[in-house]
Amino acid sequence: MHKRFLVIFTLLMLSSCRPVVLWYSEPEGPPDYKLGWQDGCDSGLSAEDSGYIYRAVYGFKKRPEMAENDQYKVGWTDGFTYCRYTLDTQ
């Protein structure tokens, strides 16, 4: 019983995480760039997923309060592109 629960719990945790190839993708740069990169990456995963798992977990993220922040916008675009096409190659 406990073993079955542990397996189910582990599978659920892994399904809500980023793909393994993205676990160590941490961008360099200022905090606003990093925040944009994380939001863009989540949006990119959501956009490329054909199985609806990432779409349900991450969704589209773009913070309206950061609309005028150039570092955030560049980070968002970089993260979106990187994560979307990284997922596409697997």
PDB file of N, CA and C in Angstrom:
ATOM      1  N   MET A   1       0.826  -1.197   0.000  1.00  0.00           N
ATOM      2  CA  MET A   1       0.000   0.000   0.000  1.00  0.00           C
ATOM      3  C   MET A   1       0.872   1.262   0.000  1.00  0.00           C
ATOM      4  N   HIS A   2       1.867   1.295   0.883  1.00  0.00           N
ATOM      5  CA  HIS A   2       2.735   2.465   0.962  1.00  0.00           C
ATOM      6  C   HIS A   2       3.588   2.612  -0.295  1.00  0.00           C
ATOM      7  N   LYS A   3       4.013   1.505  -0.852  1.00  0.00           N
ATOM      8  CA  LYS A   3       4.822   1.541  -2.055  1.00  0.00           C
ATOM      9  C   LYS A   3       4.017   2.096  -3.230  1.00  0.00           C
ATOM     10  N   ARG A   4       2.782   1.697  -3.331  1.00  0.00           N
ATOM     11  CA  ARG A   4       1.909   2.183  -4.402  1.00  0.00           C
ATOM     12  C   ARG A   4       1.672   3.690  -4.249  1.00  0.00           C
ATOM     13  N   PHE A   5       1.439   4.137  -3.032  1.00  0.00           N
ATOM     14  CA  PHE A   5       1.246   5.565  -2.764  1.00  0.00           C
ATOM     15  C   PHE A   5       2.504   6.349  -3.140  1.00  0.00           C
ATOM     16  N   LEU A   6       3.664   5.830  -2.789  1.00  0.00           N
ATOM     17  CA  LEU A   6       4.930   6.497  -3.096  1.00  0.00           C
ATOM     18  C   LEU A   6       5.147   6.608  -4.600  1.00  0.00           C
ATOM     19  N   VAL A   7       4.826   5.569  -5.339  1.00  0.00           N
ATOM     20  CA  VAL A   7       4.972   5.593  -6.798  1.00  0.00           C
ATOM     21  C   VAL A   7       4.025   6.627  -7.403  1.00  0.00           C
ATOM     22  N   ILE A   8       2.787   6.643  -6.980  1.00  0.00           N
ATOM     23  CA  ILE A   8       1.803   7.600  -7.499  1.00  0.00           C
ATOM     24  C   ILE A   8       2.216   9.027  -7.161  1.00  0.00           C
ATOM     25  N   PHE A   9       2.651   9.246  -5.937  1.00  0.00           N
ATOM     26  CA  PHE A   9       3.080  10.572  -5.508  1.00  0.00           C
ATOM     27  C   PHE A   9       4.280  11.044  -6.326  1.00  0.00           C
ATOM     28  N   THR A  10       5.238  10.161  -6.544  1.00  0.00           N
ATOM     29  CA  THR A  10       6.422  10.509  -7.324  1.00  0.00           C
ATOM     30  C   THR A  10       6.052  10.848  -8.762  1.00  0.00           C
ATOM     31  N   LEU A  11       5.181  10.086  -9.365  1.00  0.00           N
ATOM     32  CA  LEU A  11       4.753  10.363 -10.738  1.00  0.00           C
ATOM     33  C   LEU A  11       4.025  11.699 -10.840  1.00  0.00           C
ATOM     34  N   LEU A  12       3.201  12.000  -9.874  1.00  0.00           N
ATOM     35  CA  LEU A  12       2.500  13.281  -9.874  1.00  0.00           C
ATOM     36  C   LEU A  12       3.475  14.442  -9.722  1.00  0.00           C
ATOM     37  N   MET A  13       4.449  14.293  -8.875  1.00  0.00           N
ATOM     38  CA  MET A  13       5.444  15.347  -8.685  1.00  0.00           C
ATOM     39  C   MET A  13       6.269  15.558  -9.945  1.00  0.00           C
ATOM     40  N   LEU A  14       6.665  14.492 -10.587  1.00  0.00           N
ATOM     41  CA  LEU A  14       7.458  14.611 -11.808  1.00  0.00           C
ATOM     42  C   LEU A  14       6.660  15.197 -12.958  1.00  0.00           C
ATOM     43  N   SER A  15       5.376  14.921 -13.010  1.00  0.00           N
ATOM     44  CA  SER A  15       4.566  15.450 -14.108  1.00  0.00           C
ATOM     45  C   SER A  15       4.338  16.946 -13.970  1.00  0.00           C
ATOM     46  N   SER A  16       4.480  17.490 -12.778  1.00  0.00           N
ATOM     47  CA  SER A  16       4.267  18.925 -12.598  1.00  0.00           C
ATOM     48  C   SER A  16       5.562  19.710 -12.669  1.00  0.00           C
ATOM     49  N   CYS A  17       6.678  19.032 -12.862  1.00  0.00           N
ATOM     50  CA  CYS A  17       7.971  19.696 -12.951  1.00  0.00           C
ATOM     51  C   CYS A  17       8.324  19.979 -14.404  1.00  0.00           C
ATOM     52  N   ARG A  18       9.310  20.841 -14.552  1.00  0.00           N
ATOM     53  CA  ARG A  18       9.840  21.083 -15.886  1.00  0.00           C
ATOM     54  C   ARG A  18      10.546  19.842 -16.390  1.00  0.00           C
ATOM     55  N   PRO A  19      10.690  19.723 -17.693  1.00  0.00           N
ATOM     56  CA  PRO A  19      11.455  18.595 -18.231  1.00  0.00           C
ATOM     57  C   PRO A  19      12.869  18.596 -17.653  1.00  0.00           C
ATOM     58  N   VAL A  20      13.448  17.424 -17.552  1.00  0.00           N
ATOM     59  CA  VAL A  20      14.763  17.271 -16.937  1.00  0.00           C
ATOM     60  C   VAL A  20      15.800  18.167 -17.605  1.00  0.00           C
ATOM     61  N   VAL A  21      15.740  18.302 -18.915  1.00  0.00           N
ATOM     62  CA  VAL A  21      16.713  19.107 -19.638  1.00  0.00           C
ATOM     63  C   VAL A  21      16.674  20.579 -19.207  1.00  0.00           C
ATOM     64  N   LEU A  22      15.572  21.032 -18.627  1.00  0.00           N
ATOM     65  CA  LEU A  22      15.437  22.429 -18.200  1.00  0.00           C
ATOM     66  C   LEU A  22      15.693  22.634 -16.707  1.00  0.00           C
ATOM     67  N   TRP A  23      15.976  21.581 -15.977  1.00  0.00           N
ATOM     68  CA  TRP A  23      16.197  21.719 -14.535  1.00  0.00           C
ATOM     69  C   TRP A  23      17.361  22.633 -14.205  1.00  0.00           C
ATOM     70  N   TYR A  24      18.389  22.620 -15.033  1.00  0.00           N
ATOM     71  CA  TYR A  24      19.590  23.387 -14.729  1.00  0.00           C
ATOM     72  C   TYR A  24      19.742  24.610 -15.628  1.00  0.00           C
ATOM     73  N   SER A  25      18.666  25.013 -16.264  1.00  0.00           N
ATOM     74  CA  SER A  25      18.698  26.192 -17.127  1.00  0.00           C
ATOM     75  C   SER A  25      18.346  27.417 -16.303  1.00  0.00           C
ATOM     76  N   GLU A  26      19.352  28.029 -15.757  1.00  0.00           N
ATOM     77  CA  GLU A  26      19.153  29.240 -14.964  1.00  0.00           C
ATOM     78  C   GLU A  26      19.875  30.375 -15.686  1.00  0.00           C
ATOM     79  N   PRO A  27      19.148  31.369 -16.135  1.00  0.00           N
ATOM     80  CA  PRO A  27      19.778  32.439 -16.896  1.00  0.00           C
ATOM     81  C   PRO A  27      20.648  33.341 -16.021  1.00  0.00           C
ATOM     82  N   GLU A  28      21.638  33.930 -16.630  1.00  0.00           N
ATOM     83  CA  GLU A  28      22.466  34.935 -15.969  1.00  0.00           C
ATOM     84  C   GLU A  28      21.848  36.297 -16.243  1.00  0.00           C
ATOM     85  N   GLY A  29      21.990  37.203 -15.312  1.00  0.00           N
ATOM     86  CA  GLY A  29      21.518  38.552 -15.547  1.00  0.00           C
ATOM     87  C   GLY A  29      20.832  39.143 -14.333  1.00  0.00           C
ATOM     88  N   PRO A  30      20.311  40.354 -14.503  1.00  0.00           N
ATOM     89  CA  PRO A  30      19.637  41.042 -13.398  1.00  0.00           C
ATOM     90  C   PRO A  30      18.318  40.353 -13.025  1.00  0.00           C
ATOM     91  N   PRO A  31      17.791  40.655 -11.853  1.00  0.00           N
ATOM     92  CA  PRO A  31      16.556  39.999 -11.379  1.00  0.00           C
ATOM     93  C   PRO A  31      15.364  40.156 -12.325  1.00  0.00           C
ATOM     94  N   ASP A  32      15.204  41.324 -12.943  1.00  0.00           N
ATOM     95  CA  ASP A  32      14.065  41.508 -13.854  1.00  0.00           C
ATOM     96  C   ASP A  32      14.185  40.612 -15.082  1.00  0.00           C
ATOM     97  N   TYR A  33      15.396  40.440 -15.585  1.00  0.00           N
ATOM     98  CA  TYR A  33      15.627  39.545 -16.717  1.00  0.00           C
ATOM     99  C   TYR A  33      15.305  38.109 -16.314  1.00  0.00           C
ATOM    100  N   LYS A  34      15.769  37.687 -15.142  1.00  0.00           N
ATOM    101  CA  LYS A  34      15.517  36.321 -14.672  1.00  0.00           C
ATOM    102  C   LYS A  34      14.023  36.058 -14.486  1.00  0.00           C
ATOM    103  N   LEU A  35      13.308  37.047 -13.941  1.00  0.00           N
ATOM    104  CA  LEU A  35      11.859  36.901 -13.769  1.00  0.00           C
ATOM    105  C   LEU A  35      11.168  36.772 -15.121  1.00  0.00           C
ATOM    106  N   GLY A  36      11.571  37.592 -16.081  1.00  0.00           N
ATOM    107  CA  GLY A  36      11.010  37.495 -17.423  1.00  0.00           C
ATOM    108  C   GLY A  36      11.330  36.157 -18.063  1.00  0.00           C
ATOM    109  N   TRP A  37      12.546  35.668 -17.846  1.00  0.00           N
ATOM    110  CA  TRP A  37      12.955  34.384 -18.416  1.00  0.00           C
ATOM    111  C   TRP A  37      12.099  33.258 -17.845  1.00  0.00           C
ATOM    112  N   GLN A  38      11.873  33.262 -16.539  1.00  0.00           N
ATOM    113  CA  GLN A  38      11.054  32.216 -15.913  1.00  0.00           C
ATOM    114  C   GLN A  38       9.619  32.259 -16.444  1.00  0.00           C
ATOM    115  N   ASP A  39       9.039  33.448 -16.510  1.00  0.00           N
ATOM    116  CA  ASP A  39       7.672  33.565 -17.031  1.00  0.00           C
ATOM    117  C   ASP A  39       7.596  33.169 -18.499  1.00  0.00           C
ATOM    118  N   GLY A  40       8.585  33.581 -19.282  1.00  0.00           N
ATOM    119  CA  GLY A  40       8.620  33.217 -20.692  1.00  0.00           C
ATOM    120  C   GLY A  40       8.816  31.720 -20.894  1.00  0.00           C
ATOM    121  N   CYS A  41       9.656  31.124 -20.054  1.00  0.00           N
ATOM    122  CA  CYS A  41       9.882  29.683 -20.143  1.00  0.00           C
ATOM    123  C   CYS A  41       8.592  28.918 -19.843  1.00  0.00           C
ATOM    124  N   ASP A  42       7.896  29.313 -18.792  1.00  0.00           N
ATOM    125  CA  ASP A  42       6.625  28.663 -18.465  1.00  0.00           C
ATOM    126  C   ASP A  42       5.627  28.806 -19.616  1.00  0.00           C
ATOM    127  N   SER A  43       5.584  29.996 -20.204  1.00  0.00           N
ATOM    128  CA  SER A  43       4.677  30.228 -21.331  1.00  0.00           C
ATOM    129  C   SER A  43       5.089  29.409 -22.549  1.00  0.00           C
ATOM    130  N   GLY A  44       6.388  29.283 -22.776  1.00  0.00           N
ATOM    131  CA  GLY A  44       6.881  28.485 -23.898  1.00  0.00           C
ATOM    132  C   GLY A  44       6.561  27.017 -23.744  1.00  0.00           C
ATOM    133  N   LEU A  45       6.698  26.502 -22.528  1.00  0.00           N
ATOM    134  CA  LEU A  45       6.329  25.108 -22.279  1.00  0.00           C
ATOM    135  C   LEU A  45       4.848  24.898 -22.522  1.00  0.00           C
ATOM    136  N   SER A  46       4.056  25.844 -22.075  1.00  0.00           N
ATOM    137  CA  SER A  46       2.613  25.760 -22.255  1.00  0.00           C
ATOM    138  C   SER A  46       2.230  25.817 -23.739  1.00  0.00           C
ATOM    139  N   ALA A  47       2.920  26.654 -24.493  1.00  0.00           N
ATOM    140  CA  ALA A  47       2.588  26.824 -25.908  1.00  0.00           C
ATOM    141  C   ALA A  47       2.951  25.603 -26.748  1.00  0.00           C
ATOM    142  N   GLU A  48       4.026  24.918 -26.394  1.00  0.00           N
ATOM    143  CA  GLU A  48       4.510  23.821 -27.227  1.00  0.00           C
ATOM    144  C   GLU A  48       3.903  22.478 -26.856  1.00  0.00           C
ATOM    145  N   ASP A  49       3.344  22.354 -25.682  1.00  0.00           N
ATOM    146  CA  ASP A  49       2.853  21.057 -25.204  1.00  0.00           C
ATOM    147  C   ASP A  49       1.601  20.623 -25.948  1.00  0.00           C
ATOM    148  N   SER A  50       1.679  19.467 -26.574  1.00  0.00           N
ATOM    149  CA  SER A  50       0.509  18.936 -27.276  1.00  0.00           C
ATOM    150  C   SER A  50      -0.284  17.977 -26.391  1.00  0.00           C
ATOM    151  N   GLY A  51       0.264  17.621 -25.234  1.00  0.00           N
ATOM    152  CA  GLY A  51      -0.414  16.695 -24.338  1.00  0.00           C
ATOM    153  C   GLY A  51      -1.188  17.377 -23.225  1.00  0.00           C
ATOM    154  N   TYR A  52      -1.177  18.682 -23.173  1.00  0.00           N
ATOM    155  CA  TYR A  52      -1.946  19.489 -22.225  1.00  0.00           C
ATOM    156  C   TYR A  52      -1.442  19.440 -20.788  1.00  0.00           C
ATOM    157  N   ILE A  53      -0.391  18.686 -20.497  1.00  0.00           N
ATOM    158  CA  ILE A  53       0.112  18.641 -19.123  1.00  0.00           C
ATOM    159  C   ILE A  53       0.732  19.974 -18.751  1.00  0.00           C
ATOM    160  N   TYR A  54       1.684  20.456 -19.555  1.00  0.00           N
ATOM    161  CA  TYR A  54       2.347  21.722 -19.242  1.00  0.00           C
ATOM    162  C   TYR A  54       1.389  22.895 -19.381  1.00  0.00           C
ATOM    163  N   ARG A  55       0.472  22.790 -20.320  1.00  0.00           N
ATOM    164  CA  ARG A  55      -0.513  23.860 -20.490  1.00  0.00           C
ATOM    165  C   ARG A  55      -1.353  24.024 -19.231  1.00  0.00           C
ATOM    166  N   ALA A  56      -1.717  22.897 -18.618  1.00  0.00           N
ATOM    167  CA  ALA A  56      -2.518  22.946 -17.390  1.00  0.00           C
ATOM    168  C   ALA A  56      -1.699  23.424 -16.194  1.00  0.00           C
ATOM    169  N   VAL A  57      -0.435  23.049 -16.155  1.00  0.00           N
ATOM    170  CA  VAL A  57       0.410  23.381 -14.999  1.00  0.00           C
ATOM    171  C   VAL A  57       0.942  24.809 -15.084  1.00  0.00           C
ATOM    172  N   TYR A  58       1.437  25.226 -16.251  1.00  0.00           N
ATOM    173  CA  TYR A  58       2.111  26.520 -16.359  1.00  0.00           C
ATOM    174  C   TYR A  58       1.238  27.631 -16.912  1.00  0.00           C
ATOM    175  N   GLY A  59       0.611  27.419 -18.042  1.00  0.00           N
ATOM    176  CA  GLY A  59      -0.217  28.454 -18.642  1.00  0.00           C
ATOM    177  C   GLY A  59       0.619  29.608 -19.189  1.00  0.00           C
ATOM    178  N   PHE A  60      -0.047  30.625 -19.648  1.00  0.00           N
ATOM    179  CA  PHE A  60       0.609  31.802 -20.204  1.00  0.00           C
ATOM    180  C   PHE A  60       0.859  32.788 -19.078  1.00  0.00           C
ATOM    181  N   LYS A  61       2.106  33.231 -18.951  1.00  0.00           N
ATOM    182  CA  LYS A  61       2.464  34.184 -17.892  1.00  0.00           C
ATOM    183  C   LYS A  61       3.181  35.379 -18.502  1.00  0.00           C
ATOM    184  N   LYS A  62       2.613  36.532 -18.327  1.00  0.00           N
ATOM    185  CA  LYS A  62       3.271  37.776 -18.699  1.00  0.00           C
ATOM    186  C   LYS A  62       2.713  38.849 -17.776  1.00  0.00           C
ATOM    187  N   ARG A  63       3.553  39.379 -16.941  1.00  0.00           N
ATOM    188  CA  ARG A  63       3.118  40.308 -15.892  1.00  0.00           C
ATOM    189  C   ARG A  63       2.857  41.708 -16.459  1.00  0.00           C
ATOM    190  N   PRO A  64       1.629  42.188 -16.320  1.00  0.00           N
ATOM    191  CA  PRO A  64       1.297  43.504 -16.880  1.00  0.00           C
ATOM    192  C   PRO A  64       2.083  44.641 -16.229  1.00  0.00           C
ATOM    193  N   GLU A  65       2.452  44.495 -14.972  1.00  0.00           N
ATOM    194  CA  GLU A  65       3.195  45.555 -14.284  1.00  0.00           C
ATOM    195  C   GLU A  65       4.630  45.679 -14.819  1.00  0.00           C
ATOM    196  N   MET A  66       5.072  44.679 -15.591  1.00  0.00           N
ATOM    197  CA  MET A  66       6.421  44.701 -16.148  1.00  0.00           C
ATOM    198  C   MET A  66       6.413  45.072 -17.636  1.00  0.00           C
ATOM    199  N   ALA A  67       5.302  45.551 -18.136  1.00  0.00           N
ATOM    200  CA  ALA A  67       5.146  45.820 -19.569  1.00  0.00           C
ATOM    201  C   ALA A  67       6.150  46.850 -20.093  1.00  0.00           C
ATOM    202  N   GLU A  68       6.579  47.774 -19.281  1.00  0.00           N
ATOM    203  CA  GLU A  68       7.518  48.807 -19.713  1.00  0.00           C
ATOM    204  C   GLU A  68       8.960  48.485 -19.367  1.00  0.00           C
ATOM    205  N   ASN A  69       9.207  47.331 -18.762  1.00  0.00           N
ATOM    206  CA  ASN A  69      10.544  46.948 -18.321  1.00  0.00           C
ATOM    207  C   ASN A  69      11.252  46.187 -19.448  1.00  0.00           C
ATOM    208  N   ASP A  70      12.280  46.810 -20.019  1.00  0.00           N
ATOM    209  CA  ASP A  70      12.981  46.202 -21.154  1.00  0.00           C
ATOM    210  C   ASP A  70      13.701  44.918 -20.771  1.00  0.00           C
ATOM    211  N   GLN A  71      14.292  44.860 -19.588  1.00  0.00           N
ATOM    212  CA  GLN A  71      14.986  43.642 -19.163  1.00  0.00           C
ATOM    213  C   GLN A  71      14.006  42.476 -19.051  1.00  0.00           C
ATOM    214  N   TYR A  72      12.838  42.731 -18.480  1.00  0.00           N
ATOM    215  CA  TYR A  72      11.813  41.691 -18.361  1.00  0.00           C
ATOM    216  C   TYR A  72      11.374  41.205 -19.744  1.00  0.00           C
ATOM    217  N   LYS A  73      11.133  42.142 -20.662  1.00  0.00           N
ATOM    218  CA  LYS A  73      10.660  41.765 -22.004  1.00  0.00           C
ATOM    219  C   LYS A  73      11.685  40.922 -22.755  1.00  0.00           C
ATOM    220  N   VAL A  74      12.956  41.302 -22.671  1.00  0.00           N
ATOM    221  CA  VAL A  74      14.006  40.527 -23.339  1.00  0.00           C
ATOM    222  C   VAL A  74      14.127  39.155 -22.690  1.00  0.00           C
ATOM    223  N   GLY A  75      14.093  39.112 -21.361  1.00  0.00           N
ATOM    224  CA  GLY A  75      14.158  37.835 -20.647  1.00  0.00           C
ATOM    225  C   GLY A  75      12.980  36.944 -20.989  1.00  0.00           C
ATOM    226  N   TRP A  76      11.781  37.528 -21.074  1.00  0.00           N
ATOM    227  CA  TRP A  76      10.582  36.751 -21.403  1.00  0.00           C
ATOM    228  C   TRP A  76      10.721  36.124 -22.789  1.00  0.00           C
ATOM    229  N   THR A  77      11.155  36.914 -23.754  1.00  0.00           N
ATOM    230  CA  THR A  77      11.310  36.410 -25.119  1.00  0.00           C
ATOM    231  C   THR A  77      12.373  35.310 -25.179  1.00  0.00           C
ATOM    232  N   ASP A  78      13.495  35.535 -24.502  1.00  0.00           N
ATOM    233  CA  ASP A  78      14.559  34.524 -24.487  1.00  0.00           C
ATOM    234  C   ASP A  78      14.082  33.223 -23.841  1.00  0.00           C
ATOM    235  N   GLY A  79      13.405  33.337 -22.699  1.00  0.00           N
ATOM    236  CA  GLY A  79      12.911  32.153 -21.998  1.00  0.00           C
ATOM    237  C   GLY A  79      11.846  31.415 -22.796  1.00  0.00           C
ATOM    238  N   PHE A  80      10.946  32.164 -23.412  1.00  0.00           N
ATOM    239  CA  PHE A  80       9.885  31.560 -24.221  1.00  0.00           C
ATOM    240  C   PHE A  80      10.494  30.754 -25.366  1.00  0.00           C
ATOM    241  N   THR A  81      11.403  31.376 -26.089  1.00  0.00           N
ATOM    242  CA  THR A  81      12.024  30.713 -27.237  1.00  0.00           C
ATOM    243  C   THR A  81      12.819  29.496 -26.799  1.00  0.00           C
ATOM    244  N   TYR A  82      13.646  29.659 -25.784  1.00  0.00           N
ATOM    245  CA  TYR A  82      14.501  28.567 -25.336  1.00  0.00           C
ATOM    246  C   TYR A  82      13.685  27.364 -24.884  1.00  0.00           C
ATOM    247  N   CYS A  83      12.723  27.585 -24.004  1.00  0.00           N
ATOM    248  CA  CYS A  83      11.959  26.466 -23.441  1.00  0.00           C
ATOM    249  C   CYS A  83      11.003  25.850 -24.450  1.00  0.00           C
ATOM    250  N   ARG A  84      10.425  26.669 -25.291  1.00  0.00           N
ATOM    251  CA  ARG A  84       9.498  26.136 -26.297  1.00  0.00           C
ATOM    252  C   ARG A  84      10.215  25.186 -27.243  1.00  0.00           C
ATOM    253  N   TYR A  85      11.351  25.611 -27.734  1.00  0.00           N
ATOM    254  CA  TYR A  85      12.057  24.774 -28.709  1.00  0.00           C
ATOM    255  C   TYR A  85      12.864  23.672 -28.063  1.00  0.00           C
ATOM    256  N   THR A  86      13.212  23.801 -26.811  1.00  0.00           N
ATOM    257  CA  THR A  86      13.859  22.703 -26.088  1.00  0.00           C
ATOM    258  C   THR A  86      12.866  21.565 -25.906  1.00  0.00           C
ATOM    259  N   LEU A  87      11.635  21.888 -25.561  1.00  0.00           N
ATOM    260  CA  LEU A  87      10.593  20.870 -25.408  1.00  0.00           C
ATOM    261  C   LEU A  87      10.274  20.233 -26.756  1.00  0.00           C
ATOM    262  N   ASP A  88      10.313  21.023 -27.808  1.00  0.00           N
ATOM    263  CA  ASP A  88      10.004  20.538 -29.157  1.00  0.00           C
ATOM    264  C   ASP A  88      11.019  19.516 -29.643  1.00  0.00           C
ATOM    265  N   THR A  89      12.251  19.592 -29.191  1.00  0.00           N
ATOM    266  CA  THR A  89      13.292  18.675 -29.658  1.00  0.00           C
ATOM    267  C   THR A  89      13.285  17.335 -28.939  1.00  0.00           C
ATOM    268  N   GLN A  90      12.489  17.182 -27.919  1.00  0.00           N
ATOM    269  CA  GLN A  90      12.467  15.913 -27.156  1.00  0.00           C
ATOM    270  C   GLN A  90      11.466  14.957 -27.726  1.00  0.00           C
TER     271      GLN A  90
END
